[in-house]
């Protein structure tokens, strides 16, 4: 992955310091950067996947809460109509 793409992905994950370090090491042609590119790529993919999973879990929890509230409102309405 090109250093610009790595830095962009890191910034999208709000990892600004890491993005700056990647850019600096890439500009220097550092052997440390060359050795770390594959690992960084895997870590970014894992972080994006985890973030997506957390987002999905939060969305499901929010939907579940809304459904429970809706059911409670229906029960209240039904019980108030009986009286």
C-alpha atoms as a PDB file:
ATOM      1  CA  UNK A   1       0.000   0.000   0.000  1.00  0.00           C
ATOM      2  CA  UNK A   2       1.412   3.441  -0.863  1.00  0.00           C
ATOM      3  CA  UNK A   3       2.399   5.607   2.119  1.00  0.00           C
ATOM      4  CA  UNK A   4      -0.232   8.211   1.228  1.00  0.00           C
ATOM      5  CA  UNK A   5      -2.968   5.575   1.410  1.00  0.00           C
ATOM      6  CA  UNK A   6      -1.652   4.257   4.721  1.00  0.00           C
ATOM      7  CA  UNK A   7      -1.551   7.772   6.161  1.00  0.00           C
ATOM      8  CA  UNK A   8      -5.065   8.500   4.882  1.00  0.00           C
ATOM      9  CA  UNK A   9      -6.422   5.314   6.473  1.00  0.00           C
ATOM     10  CA  UNK A  10      -4.683   6.103   9.752  1.00  0.00           C
ATOM     11  CA  UNK A  11      -6.144   9.612   9.764  1.00  0.00           C
ATOM     12  CA  UNK A  12      -9.629   8.239   9.090  1.00  0.00           C
ATOM     13  CA  UNK A  13      -9.166   6.139  12.239  1.00  0.00           C
ATOM     14  CA  UNK A  14      -8.082   9.309  14.106  1.00  0.00           C
ATOM     15  CA  UNK A  15      -4.531   7.990  14.487  1.00  0.00           C
ATOM     16  CA  UNK A  16      -2.890  11.259  13.497  1.00  0.00           C
ATOM     17  CA  UNK A  17       0.466  10.641  15.161  1.00  0.00           C
ATOM     18  CA  UNK A  18       0.863   7.305  13.433  1.00  0.00           C
ATOM     19  CA  UNK A  19      -0.084   8.869  10.094  1.00  0.00           C
ATOM     20  CA  UNK A  20       2.587  11.525  10.532  1.00  0.00           C
ATOM     21  CA  UNK A  21       5.176   8.901  11.505  1.00  0.00           C
ATOM     22  CA  UNK A  22       4.333   6.808   8.419  1.00  0.00           C
ATOM     23  CA  UNK A  23       4.747   9.829   6.157  1.00  0.00           C
ATOM     24  CA  UNK A  24       8.060  10.804   7.744  1.00  0.00           C
ATOM     25  CA  UNK A  25       9.485   7.294   7.576  1.00  0.00           C
ATOM     26  CA  UNK A  26       8.334   6.857   3.981  1.00  0.00           C
ATOM     27  CA  UNK A  27       9.916  10.177   2.956  1.00  0.00           C
ATOM     28  CA  UNK A  28      13.193   9.094   4.545  1.00  0.00           C
ATOM     29  CA  UNK A  29      13.063   5.758   2.754  1.00  0.00           C
ATOM     30  CA  UNK A  30      13.535   4.125   6.131  1.00  0.00           C
ATOM     31  CA  UNK A  31      14.087   0.352   6.229  1.00  0.00           C
ATOM     32  CA  UNK A  32      11.870   0.313   9.322  1.00  0.00           C
ATOM     33  CA  UNK A  33       9.006   1.647   7.216  1.00  0.00           C
ATOM     34  CA  UNK A  34       9.555  -0.916   4.469  1.00  0.00           C
ATOM     35  CA  UNK A  35       9.508  -3.729   7.042  1.00  0.00           C
ATOM     36  CA  UNK A  36       6.366  -2.408   8.726  1.00  0.00           C
ATOM     37  CA  UNK A  37       4.157  -1.784   5.672  1.00  0.00           C
ATOM     38  CA  UNK A  38       2.585  -5.258   5.603  1.00  0.00           C
ATOM     39  CA  UNK A  39       1.992  -5.246   9.358  1.00  0.00           C
ATOM     40  CA  UNK A  40       0.488  -1.749   9.277  1.00  0.00           C
ATOM     41  CA  UNK A  41      -1.811  -2.782   6.460  1.00  0.00           C
ATOM     42  CA  UNK A  42      -3.054  -5.792   8.446  1.00  0.00           C
ATOM     43  CA  UNK A  43      -3.528  -3.710  11.593  1.00  0.00           C
ATOM     44  CA  UNK A  44      -5.503  -1.055   9.726  1.00  0.00           C
ATOM     45  CA  UNK A  45      -7.775  -3.693   8.179  1.00  0.00           C
ATOM     46  CA  UNK A  46      -8.332  -5.282  11.603  1.00  0.00           C
ATOM     47  CA  UNK A  47      -9.132  -1.908  13.196  1.00  0.00           C
ATOM     48  CA  UNK A  48     -11.588  -1.012  10.428  1.00  0.00           C
ATOM     49  CA  UNK A  49     -13.296  -4.413  10.813  1.00  0.00           C
ATOM     50  CA  UNK A  50     -13.545  -4.030  14.579  1.00  0.00           C
ATOM     51  CA  UNK A  51     -14.896  -0.499  14.260  1.00  0.00           C
ATOM     52  CA  UNK A  52     -17.532  -1.749  11.822  1.00  0.00           C
ATOM     53  CA  UNK A  53     -18.492  -4.579  14.194  1.00  0.00           C
ATOM     54  CA  UNK A  54     -18.801  -2.160  17.129  1.00  0.00           C
ATOM     55  CA  UNK A  55     -20.953   0.130  15.023  1.00  0.00           C
ATOM     56  CA  UNK A  56     -23.233  -2.761  14.025  1.00  0.00           C
ATOM     57  CA  UNK A  57     -23.549  -3.892  17.655  1.00  0.00           C
ATOM     58  CA  UNK A  58     -24.440  -0.369  18.794  1.00  0.00           C
ATOM     59  CA  UNK A  59     -26.983  -0.083  15.994  1.00  0.00           C
ATOM     60  CA  UNK A  60     -28.615  -3.365  16.985  1.00  0.00           C
ATOM     61  CA  UNK A  61     -28.715  -2.347  20.630  1.00  0.00           C
ATOM     62  CA  UNK A  62     -30.292   0.992  19.699  1.00  0.00           C
ATOM     63  CA  UNK A  63     -32.859  -0.734  17.478  1.00  0.00           C
ATOM     64  CA  UNK A  64     -33.644  -3.200  20.255  1.00  0.00           C
ATOM     65  CA  UNK A  65     -34.186  -0.338  22.698  1.00  0.00           C
ATOM     66  CA  UNK A  66     -36.484   1.436  20.248  1.00  0.00           C
ATOM     67  CA  UNK A  67     -38.467  -1.752  19.730  1.00  0.00           C
ATOM     68  CA  UNK A  68     -38.870  -2.280  23.492  1.00  0.00           C
ATOM     69  CA  UNK A  69     -40.049   1.322  23.919  1.00  0.00           C
ATOM     70  CA  UNK A  70     -42.499   0.912  21.038  1.00  0.00           C
ATOM     71  CA  UNK A  71     -43.883  -2.298  22.570  1.00  0.00           C
ATOM     72  CA  UNK A  72     -44.244  -0.606  25.967  1.00  0.00           C
ATOM     73  CA  UNK A  73     -46.129   2.291  24.377  1.00  0.00           C
ATOM     74  CA  UNK A  74     -48.486  -0.114  22.607  1.00  0.00           C
ATOM     75  CA  UNK A  75     -49.133  -1.986  25.858  1.00  0.00           C
ATOM     76  CA  UNK A  76     -49.845   1.297  27.649  1.00  0.00           C
ATOM     77  CA  UNK A  77     -52.252   2.357  24.937  1.00  0.00           C
ATOM     78  CA  UNK A  78     -54.034  -1.007  24.934  1.00  0.00           C
ATOM     79  CA  UNK A  79     -54.328  -1.060  28.712  1.00  0.00           C
ATOM     80  CA  UNK A  80     -55.605   2.528  28.810  1.00  0.00           C
ATOM     81  CA  UNK A  81     -58.288   1.705  26.220  1.00  0.00           C
ATOM     82  CA  UNK A  82     -59.566  -1.187  28.353  1.00  0.00           C
ATOM     83  CA  UNK A  83     -60.243   1.090  31.299  1.00  0.00           C
END
